[in-house]
Amino acid sequence: MPKPLVAALVLAALTNLAPPPARAASFPCDKAEAPDERAICAHLPLNDRDVEMATRFEILKSVLPMGGQAKLRDDQEAWLQERRGCGGDIACLTAVYDARLKVLRGVLAEFAKQGP
């Protein structure tokens, strides 16, 4: 097989392996308009925190009893308001994500201790 053809095939395969456009777990980055959302999409460590937060939230939402689910949703709404209050401030966003993740990790750890 000629080298230019091999190179073209390799390039085509690598193009197909390229990751999709940036997306945080809880919202599409291509539609981000709010300053906090734009900062999360532009800052990989914040994006990673958002992915973890959304994943933990979804897991807890599916395993907590109804009363716990309602509190989880209410707390998440309050937290989202706090996050929005940070605007595009990376340090503020990092702090609010770290605080929320600490809570979600703790709730999940307590739930896991209860066993089946």
PDB file of N, CA and C in Angstrom:
ATOM      1  N   MET A   1       0.857  -1.175   0.000  1.00  0.00           N
ATOM      2  CA  MET A   1       0.000   0.000   0.000  1.00  0.00           C
ATOM      3  C   MET A   1       0.904   1.240   0.000  1.00  0.00           C
ATOM      4  N   PRO A   2       0.660   2.208  -0.891  1.00  0.00           N
ATOM      5  CA  PRO A   2       1.497   3.397  -0.965  1.00  0.00           C
ATOM      6  C   PRO A   2       1.442   4.201   0.345  1.00  0.00           C
ATOM      7  N   LYS A   3       2.588   4.792   0.703  1.00  0.00           N
ATOM      8  CA  LYS A   3       2.678   5.554   1.953  1.00  0.00           C
ATOM      9  C   LYS A   3       1.664   6.698   2.036  1.00  0.00           C
ATOM     10  N   PRO A   4       1.412   7.466   0.966  1.00  0.00           N
ATOM     11  CA  PRO A   4       0.419   8.541   1.088  1.00  0.00           C
ATOM     12  C   PRO A   4      -0.967   8.008   1.420  1.00  0.00           C
ATOM     13  N   LEU A   5      -1.322   6.844   0.877  1.00  0.00           N
ATOM     14  CA  LEU A   5      -2.625   6.264   1.165  1.00  0.00           C
ATOM     15  C   LEU A   5      -2.696   5.814   2.624  1.00  0.00           C
ATOM     16  N   VAL A   6      -1.616   5.207   3.117  1.00  0.00           N
ATOM     17  CA  VAL A   6      -1.566   4.773   4.522  1.00  0.00           C
ATOM     18  C   VAL A   6      -1.697   5.993   5.432  1.00  0.00           C
ATOM     19  N   ALA A   7      -0.978   7.046   5.108  1.00  0.00           N
ATOM     20  CA  ALA A   7      -1.040   8.267   5.919  1.00  0.00           C
ATOM     21  C   ALA A   7      -2.444   8.849   5.921  1.00  0.00           C
ATOM     22  N   ALA A   8      -3.100   8.835   4.778  1.00  0.00           N
ATOM     23  CA  ALA A   8      -4.460   9.359   4.693  1.00  0.00           C
ATOM     24  C   ALA A   8      -5.422   8.512   5.523  1.00  0.00           C
ATOM     25  N   LEU A   9      -5.251   7.192   5.491  1.00  0.00           N
ATOM     26  CA  LEU A   9      -6.110   6.306   6.280  1.00  0.00           C
ATOM     27  C   LEU A   9      -5.896   6.513   7.778  1.00  0.00           C
ATOM     28  N   VAL A  10      -4.637   6.667   8.183  1.00  0.00           N
ATOM     29  CA  VAL A  10      -4.329   6.903   9.597  1.00  0.00           C
ATOM     30  C   VAL A  10      -4.924   8.233  10.040  1.00  0.00           C
ATOM     31  N   LEU A  11      -4.782   9.258   9.229  1.00  0.00           N
ATOM     32  CA  LEU A  11      -5.338  10.568   9.556  1.00  0.00           C
ATOM     33  C   LEU A  11      -6.860  10.502   9.671  1.00  0.00           C
ATOM     34  N   ALA A  12      -7.496   9.789   8.770  1.00  0.00           N
ATOM     35  CA  ALA A  12      -8.952   9.647   8.823  1.00  0.00           C
ATOM     36  C   ALA A  12      -9.372   8.916  10.090  1.00  0.00           C
ATOM     37  N   ALA A  13      -8.630   7.873  10.468  1.00  0.00           N
ATOM     38  CA  ALA A  13      -8.961   7.124  11.684  1.00  0.00           C
ATOM     39  C   ALA A  13      -8.788   7.993  12.916  1.00  0.00           C
ATOM     40  N   LEU A  14      -7.714   8.763  12.956  1.00  0.00           N
ATOM     41  CA  LEU A  14      -7.479   9.641  14.102  1.00  0.00           C
ATOM     42  C   LEU A  14      -8.536  10.738  14.190  1.00  0.00           C
ATOM     43  N   THR A  15      -8.983  11.233  13.080  1.00  0.00           N
ATOM     44  CA  THR A  15     -10.031  12.253  13.067  1.00  0.00           C
ATOM     45  C   THR A  15     -11.314  11.688  13.658  1.00  0.00           C
ATOM     46  N   ASN A  16     -11.613  10.439  13.354  1.00  0.00           N
ATOM     47  CA  ASN A  16     -12.811   9.805  13.891  1.00  0.00           C
ATOM     48  C   ASN A  16     -12.699   9.541  15.388  1.00  0.00           C
ATOM     49  N   LEU A  17     -11.469   9.483  15.916  1.00  0.00           N
ATOM     50  CA  LEU A  17     -11.266   9.262  17.340  1.00  0.00           C
ATOM     51  C   LEU A  17     -11.247  10.561  18.133  1.00  0.00           C
ATOM     52  N   ALA A  18     -11.282  11.673  17.456  1.00  0.00           N
ATOM     53  CA  ALA A  18     -11.227  12.961  18.151  1.00  0.00           C
ATOM     54  C   ALA A  18     -12.407  13.082  19.098  1.00  0.00           C
ATOM     55  N   PRO A  19     -12.180  13.693  20.263  1.00  0.00           N
ATOM     56  CA  PRO A  19     -13.277  13.832  21.216  1.00  0.00           C
ATOM     57  C   PRO A  19     -14.343  14.768  20.683  1.00  0.00           C
ATOM     58  N   PRO A  20     -15.576  14.619  21.167  1.00  0.00           N
ATOM     59  CA  PRO A  20     -16.635  15.533  20.754  1.00  0.00           C
ATOM     60  C   PRO A  20     -16.364  16.919  21.317  1.00  0.00           C
ATOM     61  N   PRO A  21     -17.105  17.933  20.892  1.00  0.00           N
ATOM     62  CA  PRO A  21     -16.899  19.267  21.421  1.00  0.00           C
ATOM     63  C   PRO A  21     -17.007  19.263  22.943  1.00  0.00           C
ATOM     64  N   ALA A  22     -16.290  20.209  23.574  1.00  0.00           N
ATOM     65  CA  ALA A  22     -16.262  20.276  25.038  1.00  0.00           C
ATOM     66  C   ALA A  22     -17.672  20.332  25.606  1.00  0.00           C
ATOM     67  N   ARG A  23     -17.878  19.582  26.657  1.00  0.00           N
ATOM     68  CA  ARG A  23     -19.189  19.553  27.305  1.00  0.00           C
ATOM     69  C   ARG A  23     -18.979  19.246  28.779  1.00  0.00           C
ATOM     70  N   ALA A  24     -19.570  20.053  29.605  1.00  0.00           N
ATOM     71  CA  ALA A  24     -19.595  19.729  31.019  1.00  0.00           C
ATOM     72  C   ALA A  24     -20.758  18.767  31.233  1.00  0.00           C
ATOM     73  N   ALA A  25     -20.705  18.017  32.294  1.00  0.00           N
ATOM     74  CA  ALA A  25     -21.719  16.980  32.503  1.00  0.00           C
ATOM     75  C   ALA A  25     -23.118  17.545  32.669  1.00  0.00           C
ATOM     76  N   SER A  26     -23.240  18.705  33.251  1.00  0.00           N
ATOM     77  CA  SER A  26     -24.586  19.174  33.576  1.00  0.00           C
ATOM     78  C   SER A  26     -25.181  20.159  32.572  1.00  0.00           C
ATOM     79  N   PHE A  27     -24.428  20.565  31.584  1.00  0.00           N
ATOM     80  CA  PHE A  27     -24.969  21.470  30.569  1.00  0.00           C
ATOM     81  C   PHE A  27     -24.071  21.458  29.334  1.00  0.00           C
ATOM     82  N   PRO A  28     -24.631  21.764  28.164  1.00  0.00           N
ATOM     83  CA  PRO A  28     -23.813  21.795  26.932  1.00  0.00           C
ATOM     84  C   PRO A  28     -23.005  23.093  26.851  1.00  0.00           C
ATOM     85  N   CYS A  29     -21.711  22.958  26.736  1.00  0.00           N
ATOM     86  CA  CYS A  29     -20.837  24.142  26.701  1.00  0.00           C
ATOM     87  C   CYS A  29     -21.101  25.026  25.489  1.00  0.00           C
ATOM     88  N   ASP A  30     -21.538  24.440  24.383  1.00  0.00           N
ATOM     89  CA  ASP A  30     -21.775  25.258  23.203  1.00  0.00           C
ATOM     90  C   ASP A  30     -22.978  26.178  23.379  1.00  0.00           C
ATOM     91  N   LYS A  31     -23.760  25.972  24.421  1.00  0.00           N
ATOM     92  CA  LYS A  31     -24.903  26.842  24.704  1.00  0.00           C
ATOM     93  C   LYS A  31     -24.702  27.665  25.975  1.00  0.00           C
ATOM     94  N   ALA A  32     -23.511  27.597  26.554  1.00  0.00           N
ATOM     95  CA  ALA A  32     -23.229  28.324  27.794  1.00  0.00           C
ATOM     96  C   ALA A  32     -23.291  29.830  27.544  1.00  0.00           C
ATOM     97  N   GLU A  33     -24.108  30.515  28.303  1.00  0.00           N
ATOM     98  CA  GLU A  33     -24.232  31.966  28.181  1.00  0.00           C
ATOM     99  C   GLU A  33     -23.862  32.681  29.471  1.00  0.00           C
ATOM    100  N   ALA A  34     -24.194  32.092  30.600  1.00  0.00           N
ATOM    101  CA  ALA A  34     -23.923  32.722  31.891  1.00  0.00           C
ATOM    102  C   ALA A  34     -22.414  32.719  32.159  1.00  0.00           C
ATOM    103  N   PRO A  35     -21.921  33.738  32.854  1.00  0.00           N
ATOM    104  CA  PRO A  35     -20.479  33.809  33.139  1.00  0.00           C
ATOM    105  C   PRO A  35     -19.938  32.570  33.862  1.00  0.00           C
ATOM    106  N   ASP A  36     -20.713  32.027  34.820  1.00  0.00           N
ATOM    107  CA  ASP A  36     -20.228  30.842  35.531  1.00  0.00           C
ATOM    108  C   ASP A  36     -20.114  29.645  34.584  1.00  0.00           C
ATOM    109  N   GLU A  37     -21.082  29.476  33.711  1.00  0.00           N
ATOM    110  CA  GLU A  37     -21.045  28.358  32.764  1.00  0.00           C
ATOM    111  C   GLU A  37     -19.886  28.506  31.787  1.00  0.00           C
ATOM    112  N   ARG A  38     -19.671  29.721  31.273  1.00  0.00           N
ATOM    113  CA  ARG A  38     -18.553  29.929  30.341  1.00  0.00           C
ATOM    114  C   ARG A  38     -17.217  29.646  31.030  1.00  0.00           C
ATOM    115  N   ALA A  39     -17.082  30.058  32.285  1.00  0.00           N
ATOM    116  CA  ALA A  39     -15.834  29.811  33.017  1.00  0.00           C
ATOM    117  C   ALA A  39     -15.623  28.319  33.228  1.00  0.00           C
ATOM    118  N   ILE A  40     -16.689  27.586  33.549  1.00  0.00           N
ATOM    119  CA  ILE A  40     -16.586  26.142  33.759  1.00  0.00           C
ATOM    120  C   ILE A  40     -16.150  25.450  32.474  1.00  0.00           C
ATOM    121  N   CYS A  41     -16.718  25.859  31.366  1.00  0.00           N
ATOM    122  CA  CYS A  41     -16.368  25.247  30.080  1.00  0.00           C
ATOM    123  C   CYS A  41     -14.942  25.572  29.658  1.00  0.00           C
ATOM    124  N   ALA A  42     -14.446  26.741  30.040  1.00  0.00           N
ATOM    125  CA  ALA A  42     -13.116  27.177  29.624  1.00  0.00           C
ATOM    126  C   ALA A  42     -12.007  26.684  30.549  1.00  0.00           C
ATOM    127  N   HIS A  43     -12.348  26.184  31.714  1.00  0.00           N
ATOM    128  CA  HIS A  43     -11.351  25.822  32.722  1.00  0.00           C
ATOM    129  C   HIS A  43     -11.492  24.337  33.045  1.00  0.00           C
ATOM    130  N   LEU A  44     -10.569  23.523  32.545  1.00  0.00           N
ATOM    131  CA  LEU A  44     -10.682  22.069  32.660  1.00  0.00           C
ATOM    132  C   LEU A  44     -10.866  21.579  34.099  1.00  0.00           C
ATOM    133  N   PRO A  45     -10.134  22.099  35.082  1.00  0.00           N
ATOM    134  CA  PRO A  45     -10.372  21.620  36.454  1.00  0.00           C
ATOM    135  C   PRO A  45     -11.804  21.889  36.935  1.00  0.00           C
ATOM    136  N   LEU A  46     -12.396  23.014  36.534  1.00  0.00           N
ATOM    137  CA  LEU A  46     -13.792  23.275  36.893  1.00  0.00           C
ATOM    138  C   LEU A  46     -14.726  22.337  36.138  1.00  0.00           C
ATOM    139  N   ASN A  47     -14.419  22.111  34.881  1.00  0.00           N
ATOM    140  CA  ASN A  47     -15.222  21.179  34.085  1.00  0.00           C
ATOM    141  C   ASN A  47     -15.196  19.795  34.736  1.00  0.00           C
ATOM    142  N   ASP A  48     -14.009  19.374  35.190  1.00  0.00           N
ATOM    143  CA  ASP A  48     -13.886  18.075  35.853  1.00  0.00           C
ATOM    144  C   ASP A  48     -14.722  18.032  37.133  1.00  0.00           C
ATOM    145  N   ARG A  49     -14.702  19.126  37.895  1.00  0.00           N
ATOM    146  CA  ARG A  49     -15.517  19.179  39.113  1.00  0.00           C
ATOM    147  C   ARG A  49     -17.007  19.104  38.764  1.00  0.00           C
ATOM    148  N   ASP A  50     -17.382  19.764  37.676  1.00  0.00           N
ATOM    149  CA  ASP A  50     -18.782  19.735  37.264  1.00  0.00           C
ATOM    150  C   ASP A  50     -19.208  18.319  36.869  1.00  0.00           C
ATOM    151  N   VAL A  51     -18.338  17.618  36.183  1.00  0.00           N
ATOM    152  CA  VAL A  51     -18.618  16.237  35.795  1.00  0.00           C
ATOM    153  C   VAL A  51     -18.816  15.383  37.047  1.00  0.00           C
ATOM    154  N   GLU A  52     -17.905  15.513  38.001  1.00  0.00           N
ATOM    155  CA  GLU A  52     -18.026  14.728  39.233  1.00  0.00           C
ATOM    156  C   GLU A  52     -19.292  15.107  40.000  1.00  0.00           C
ATOM    157  N   MET A  53     -19.563  16.398  40.113  1.00  0.00           N
ATOM    158  CA  MET A  53     -20.746  16.855  40.846  1.00  0.00           C
ATOM    159  C   MET A  53     -22.013  16.301  40.205  1.00  0.00           C
ATOM    160  N   ALA A  54     -22.139  16.411  38.903  1.00  0.00           N
ATOM    161  CA  ALA A  54     -23.335  15.933  38.213  1.00  0.00           C
ATOM    162  C   ALA A  54     -23.483  14.421  38.335  1.00  0.00           C
ATOM    163  N   THR A  55     -22.382  13.703  38.266  1.00  0.00           N
ATOM    164  CA  THR A  55     -22.420  12.249  38.391  1.00  0.00           C
ATOM    165  C   THR A  55     -22.869  11.834  39.783  1.00  0.00           C
ATOM    166  N   ARG A  56     -22.273  12.432  40.801  1.00  0.00           N
ATOM    167  CA  ARG A  56     -22.653  12.109  42.176  1.00  0.00           C
ATOM    168  C   ARG A  56     -24.109  12.492  42.441  1.00  0.00           C
ATOM    169  N   PHE A  57     -24.529  13.633  41.926  1.00  0.00           N
ATOM    170  CA  PHE A  57     -25.913  14.071  42.106  1.00  0.00           C
ATOM    171  C   PHE A  57     -26.873  13.042  41.502  1.00  0.00           C
ATOM    172  N   GLU A  58     -26.598  12.598  40.287  1.00  0.00           N
ATOM    173  CA  GLU A  58     -27.473  11.632  39.620  1.00  0.00           C
ATOM    174  C   GLU A  58     -27.515  10.300  40.356  1.00  0.00           C
ATOM    175  N   ILE A  59     -26.370   9.855  40.852  1.00  0.00           N
ATOM    176  CA  ILE A  59     -26.335   8.603  41.607  1.00  0.00           C
ATOM    177  C   ILE A  59     -27.192   8.741  42.863  1.00  0.00           C
ATOM    178  N   LEU A  60     -26.977   9.824  43.606  1.00  0.00           N
ATOM    179  CA  LEU A  60     -27.744  10.023  44.836  1.00  0.00           C
ATOM    180  C   LEU A  60     -29.234  10.164  44.552  1.00  0.00           C
ATOM    181  N   LYS A  61     -29.559  10.871  43.494  1.00  0.00           N
ATOM    182  CA  LYS A  61     -30.971  11.065  43.138  1.00  0.00           C
ATOM    183  C   LYS A  61     -31.653   9.713  42.898  1.00  0.00           C
ATOM    184  N   SER A  62     -30.910   8.769  42.369  1.00  0.00           N
ATOM    185  CA  SER A  62     -31.512   7.479  42.040  1.00  0.00           C
ATOM    186  C   SER A  62     -31.570   6.519  43.229  1.00  0.00           C
ATOM    187  N   VAL A  63     -30.792   6.748  44.283  1.00  0.00           N
ATOM    188  CA  VAL A  63     -30.766   5.794  45.392  1.00  0.00           C
ATOM    189  C   VAL A  63     -31.405   6.308  46.677  1.00  0.00           C
ATOM    190  N   LEU A  64     -31.547   7.619  46.816  1.00  0.00           N
ATOM    191  CA  LEU A  64     -32.137   8.156  48.041  1.00  0.00           C
ATOM    192  C   LEU A  64     -33.654   7.952  48.055  1.00  0.00           C
ATOM    193  N   PRO A  65     -34.228   7.806  49.257  1.00  0.00           N
ATOM    194  CA  PRO A  65     -35.690   7.740  49.332  1.00  0.00           C
ATOM    195  C   PRO A  65     -36.292   9.087  48.944  1.00  0.00           C
ATOM    196  N   MET A  66     -37.604   9.120  48.704  1.00  0.00           N
ATOM    197  CA  MET A  66     -38.256  10.332  48.191  1.00  0.00           C
ATOM    198  C   MET A  66     -37.936  11.587  49.003  1.00  0.00           C
ATOM    199  N   GLY A  67     -38.016  11.529  50.317  1.00  0.00           N
ATOM    200  CA  GLY A  67     -37.713  12.699  51.139  1.00  0.00           C
ATOM    201  C   GLY A  67     -36.285  13.168  50.939  1.00  0.00           C
ATOM    202  N   GLY A  68     -35.391  12.215  50.829  1.00  0.00           N
ATOM    203  CA  GLY A  68     -33.988  12.547  50.590  1.00  0.00           C
ATOM    204  C   GLY A  68     -33.773  13.147  49.211  1.00  0.00           C
ATOM    205  N   GLN A  69     -34.529  12.662  48.236  1.00  0.00           N
ATOM    206  CA  GLN A  69     -34.434  13.199  46.878  1.00  0.00           C
ATOM    207  C   GLN A  69     -34.882  14.651  46.840  1.00  0.00           C
ATOM    208  N   ALA A  70     -35.968  14.959  47.546  1.00  0.00           N
ATOM    209  CA  ALA A  70     -36.478  16.330  47.561  1.00  0.00           C
ATOM    210  C   ALA A  70     -35.460  17.269  48.192  1.00  0.00           C
ATOM    211  N   LYS A  71     -34.865  16.845  49.304  1.00  0.00           N
ATOM    212  CA  LYS A  71     -33.848  17.679  49.962  1.00  0.00           C
ATOM    213  C   LYS A  71     -32.633  17.848  49.052  1.00  0.00           C
ATOM    214  N   LEU A  72     -32.229  16.762  48.400  1.00  0.00           N
ATOM    215  CA  LEU A  72     -31.090  16.817  47.481  1.00  0.00           C
ATOM    216  C   LEU A  72     -31.345  17.841  46.378  1.00  0.00           C
ATOM    217  N   ARG A  73     -32.547  17.808  45.785  1.00  0.00           N
ATOM    218  CA  ARG A  73     -32.886  18.759  44.714  1.00  0.00           C
ATOM    219  C   ARG A  73     -32.924  20.198  45.242  1.00  0.00           C
ATOM    220  N   ASP A  74     -33.523  20.392  46.413  1.00  0.00           N
ATOM    221  CA  ASP A  74     -33.581  21.730  46.997  1.00  0.00           C
ATOM    222  C   ASP A  74     -32.179  22.267  47.281  1.00  0.00           C
ATOM    223  N   ASP A  75     -31.337  21.414  47.851  1.00  0.00           N
ATOM    224  CA  ASP A  75     -29.956  21.816  48.138  1.00  0.00           C
ATOM    225  C   ASP A  75     -29.191  22.127  46.854  1.00  0.00           C
ATOM    226  N   GLN A  76     -29.456  21.347  45.807  1.00  0.00           N
ATOM    227  CA  GLN A  76     -28.777  21.568  44.530  1.00  0.00           C
ATOM    228  C   GLN A  76     -29.199  22.902  43.917  1.00  0.00           C
ATOM    229  N   GLU A  77     -30.488  23.229  44.007  1.00  0.00           N
ATOM    230  CA  GLU A  77     -30.969  24.527  43.495  1.00  0.00           C
ATOM    231  C   GLU A  77     -30.319  25.684  44.250  1.00  0.00           C
ATOM    232  N   ALA A  78     -30.226  25.551  45.565  1.00  0.00           N
ATOM    233  CA  ALA A  78     -29.573  26.591  46.369  1.00  0.00           C
ATOM    234  C   ALA A  78     -28.097  26.707  45.988  1.00  0.00           C
ATOM    235  N   TRP A  79     -27.466  25.568  45.771  1.00  0.00           N
ATOM    236  CA  TRP A  79     -26.066  25.579  45.386  1.00  0.00           C
ATOM    237  C   TRP A  79     -25.882  26.225  44.007  1.00  0.00           C
ATOM    238  N   LEU A  80     -26.774  25.933  43.070  1.00  0.00           N
ATOM    239  CA  LEU A  80     -26.674  26.546  41.737  1.00  0.00           C
ATOM    240  C   LEU A  80     -26.774  28.070  41.827  1.00  0.00           C
ATOM    241  N   GLN A  81     -27.616  28.571  42.716  1.00  0.00           N
ATOM    242  CA  GLN A  81     -27.709  30.026  42.923  1.00  0.00           C
ATOM    243  C   GLN A  81     -26.382  30.566  43.452  1.00  0.00           C
ATOM    244  N   GLU A  82     -25.780  29.831  44.370  1.00  0.00           N
ATOM    245  CA  GLU A  82     -24.480  30.234  44.908  1.00  0.00           C
ATOM    246  C   GLU A  82     -23.427  30.239  43.801  1.00  0.00           C
ATOM    247  N   ARG A  83     -23.443  29.191  42.968  1.00  0.00           N
ATOM    248  CA  ARG A  83     -22.489  29.109  41.852  1.00  0.00           C
ATOM    249  C   ARG A  83     -22.668  30.285  40.903  1.00  0.00           C
ATOM    250  N   ARG A  84     -23.927  30.605  40.571  1.00  0.00           N
ATOM    251  CA  ARG A  84     -24.184  31.733  39.672  1.00  0.00           C
ATOM    252  C   ARG A  84     -23.656  33.037  40.254  1.00  0.00           C
ATOM    253  N   GLY A  85     -23.715  33.151  41.579  1.00  0.00           N
ATOM    254  CA  GLY A  85     -23.221  34.346  42.248  1.00  0.00           C
ATOM    255  C   GLY A  85     -21.724  34.563  42.072  1.00  0.00           C
ATOM    256  N   CYS A  86     -21.008  33.510  41.730  1.00  0.00           N
ATOM    257  CA  CYS A  86     -19.561  33.633  41.502  1.00  0.00           C
ATOM    258  C   CYS A  86     -19.254  34.305  40.173  1.00  0.00           C
ATOM    259  N   GLY A  87     -20.211  34.300  39.257  1.00  0.00           N
ATOM    260  CA  GLY A  87     -19.917  34.819  37.926  1.00  0.00           C
ATOM    261  C   GLY A  87     -18.799  34.006  37.311  1.00  0.00           C
ATOM    262  N   GLY A  88     -17.826  34.670  36.734  1.00  0.00           N
ATOM    263  CA  GLY A  88     -16.705  33.990  36.095  1.00  0.00           C
ATOM    264  C   GLY A  88     -15.474  33.872  36.973  1.00  0.00           C
ATOM    265  N   ASP A  89     -15.604  34.134  38.272  1.00  0.00           N
ATOM    266  CA  ASP A  89     -14.481  34.092  39.214  1.00  0.00           C
ATOM    267  C   ASP A  89     -14.063  32.639  39.467  1.00  0.00           C
ATOM    268  N   ILE A  90     -12.925  32.254  38.928  1.00  0.00           N
ATOM    269  CA  ILE A  90     -12.444  30.870  39.011  1.00  0.00           C
ATOM    270  C   ILE A  90     -12.236  30.437  40.458  1.00  0.00           C
ATOM    271  N   ALA A  91     -11.640  31.285  41.282  1.00  0.00           N
ATOM    272  CA  ALA A  91     -11.387  30.922  42.683  1.00  0.00           C
ATOM    273  C   ALA A  91     -12.704  30.692  43.420  1.00  0.00           C
ATOM    274  N   CYS A  92     -13.671  31.541  43.196  1.00  0.00           N
ATOM    275  CA  CYS A  92     -14.980  31.403  43.828  1.00  0.00           C
ATOM    276  C   CYS A  92     -15.659  30.119  43.352  1.00  0.00           C
ATOM    277  N   LEU A  93     -15.639  29.885  42.048  1.00  0.00           N
ATOM    278  CA  LEU A  93     -16.256  28.679  41.502  1.00  0.00           C
ATOM    279  C   LEU A  93     -15.585  27.417  42.044  1.00  0.00           C
ATOM    280  N   THR A  94     -14.272  27.444  42.141  1.00  0.00           N
ATOM    281  CA  THR A  94     -13.547  26.298  42.682  1.00  0.00           C
ATOM    282  C   THR A  94     -13.979  26.040  44.119  1.00  0.00           C
ATOM    283  N   ALA A  95     -14.095  27.095  44.901  1.00  0.00           N
ATOM    284  CA  ALA A  95     -14.486  26.945  46.305  1.00  0.00           C
ATOM    285  C   ALA A  95     -15.906  26.394  46.445  1.00  0.00           C
ATOM    286  N   VAL A  96     -16.849  26.897  45.644  1.00  0.00           N
ATOM    287  CA  VAL A  96     -18.222  26.404  45.778  1.00  0.00           C
ATOM    288  C   VAL A  96     -18.339  24.963  45.274  1.00  0.00           C
ATOM    289  N   TYR A  97     -17.587  24.624  44.229  1.00  0.00           N
ATOM    290  CA  TYR A  97     -17.598  23.231  43.774  1.00  0.00           C
ATOM    291  C   TYR A  97     -16.989  22.322  44.831  1.00  0.00           C
ATOM    292  N   ASP A  98     -15.869  22.730  45.409  1.00  0.00           N
ATOM    293  CA  ASP A  98     -15.223  21.890  46.417  1.00  0.00           C
ATOM    294  C   ASP A  98     -16.144  21.674  47.617  1.00  0.00           C
ATOM    295  N   ALA A  99     -16.844  22.716  48.024  1.00  0.00           N
ATOM    296  CA  ALA A  99     -17.769  22.586  49.157  1.00  0.00           C
ATOM    297  C   ALA A  99     -18.922  21.642  48.807  1.00  0.00           C
ATOM    298  N   ARG A 100     -19.493  21.790  47.623  1.00  0.00           N
ATOM    299  CA  ARG A 100     -20.613  20.934  47.227  1.00  0.00           C
ATOM    300  C   ARG A 100     -20.166  19.488  47.071  1.00  0.00           C
ATOM    301  N   LEU A 101     -18.993  19.281  46.478  1.00  0.00           N
ATOM    302  CA  LEU A 101     -18.491  17.922  46.312  1.00  0.00           C
ATOM    303  C   LEU A 101     -18.241  17.264  47.661  1.00  0.00           C
ATOM    304  N   LYS A 102     -17.758  18.025  48.633  1.00  0.00           N
ATOM    305  CA  LYS A 102     -17.539  17.479  49.971  1.00  0.00           C
ATOM    306  C   LYS A 102     -18.862  16.967  50.549  1.00  0.00           C
ATOM    307  N   VAL A 103     -19.924  17.744  50.373  1.00  0.00           N
ATOM    308  CA  VAL A 103     -21.247  17.337  50.862  1.00  0.00           C
ATOM    309  C   VAL A 103     -21.723  16.086  50.139  1.00  0.00           C
ATOM    310  N   LEU A 104     -21.664  16.104  48.801  1.00  0.00           N
ATOM    311  CA  LEU A 104     -22.156  14.959  48.031  1.00  0.00           C
ATOM    312  C   LEU A 104     -21.351  13.696  48.319  1.00  0.00           C
ATOM    313  N   ARG A 105     -20.047  13.843  48.463  1.00  0.00           N
ATOM    314  CA  ARG A 105     -19.212  12.678  48.799  1.00  0.00           C
ATOM    315  C   ARG A 105     -19.607  12.130  50.166  1.00  0.00           C
ATOM    316  N   GLY A 106     -19.848  13.024  51.116  1.00  0.00           N
ATOM    317  CA  GLY A 106     -20.235  12.603  52.456  1.00  0.00           C
ATOM    318  C   GLY A 106     -21.572  11.886  52.472  1.00  0.00           C
ATOM    319  N   VAL A 107     -22.556  12.427  51.745  1.00  0.00           N
ATOM    320  CA  VAL A 107     -23.873  11.788  51.688  1.00  0.00           C
ATOM    321  C   VAL A 107     -23.752  10.416  51.051  1.00  0.00           C
ATOM    322  N   LEU A 108     -22.996  10.321  49.985  1.00  0.00           N
ATOM    323  CA  LEU A 108     -22.830   9.032  49.309  1.00  0.00           C
ATOM    324  C   LEU A 108     -22.104   8.054  50.208  1.00  0.00           C
ATOM    325  N   ALA A 109     -21.096   8.508  50.946  1.00  0.00           N
ATOM    326  CA  ALA A 109     -20.354   7.616  51.865  1.00  0.00           C
ATOM    327  C   ALA A 109     -21.278   7.109  52.970  1.00  0.00           C
ATOM    328  N   GLU A 110     -22.109   7.986  53.518  1.00  0.00           N
ATOM    329  CA  GLU A 110     -23.054   7.575  54.558  1.00  0.00           C
ATOM    330  C   GLU A 110     -24.069   6.575  54.009  1.00  0.00           C
ATOM    331  N   PHE A 111     -24.537   6.831  52.816  1.00  0.00           N
ATOM    332  CA  PHE A 111     -25.503   5.915  52.191  1.00  0.00           C
ATOM    333  C   PHE A 111     -24.855   4.546  51.979  1.00  0.00           C
ATOM    334  N   ALA A 112     -23.590   4.549  51.538  1.00  0.00           N
ATOM    335  CA  ALA A 112     -22.883   3.294  51.266  1.00  0.00           C
ATOM    336  C   ALA A 112     -22.667   2.497  52.556  1.00  0.00           C
ATOM    337  N   LYS A 113     -22.476   3.176  53.688  1.00  0.00           N
ATOM    338  CA  LYS A 113     -22.267   2.493  54.966  1.00  0.00           C
ATOM    339  C   LYS A 113     -23.496   1.686  55.383  1.00  0.00           C
ATOM    340  N   GLN A 114     -24.670   2.117  54.939  1.00  0.00           N
ATOM    341  CA  GLN A 114     -25.903   1.429  55.320  1.00  0.00           C
ATOM    342  C   GLN A 114     -26.008   0.047  54.704  1.00  0.00           C
ATOM    343  N   GLY A 115     -25.317  -0.143  53.598  1.00  0.00           N
ATOM    344  CA  GLY A 115     -25.311  -1.448  52.945  1.00  0.00           C
ATOM    345  C   GLY A 115     -26.658  -1.770  52.303  1.00  0.00           C
ATOM    346  N   PRO A 116     -26.736  -2.973  51.735  1.00  0.00           N
ATOM    347  CA  PRO A 116     -27.977  -3.358  51.042  1.00  0.00           C
ATOM    348  C   PRO A 116     -29.141  -3.599  51.999  1.00  0.00           C
TER     349      PRO A 116
END
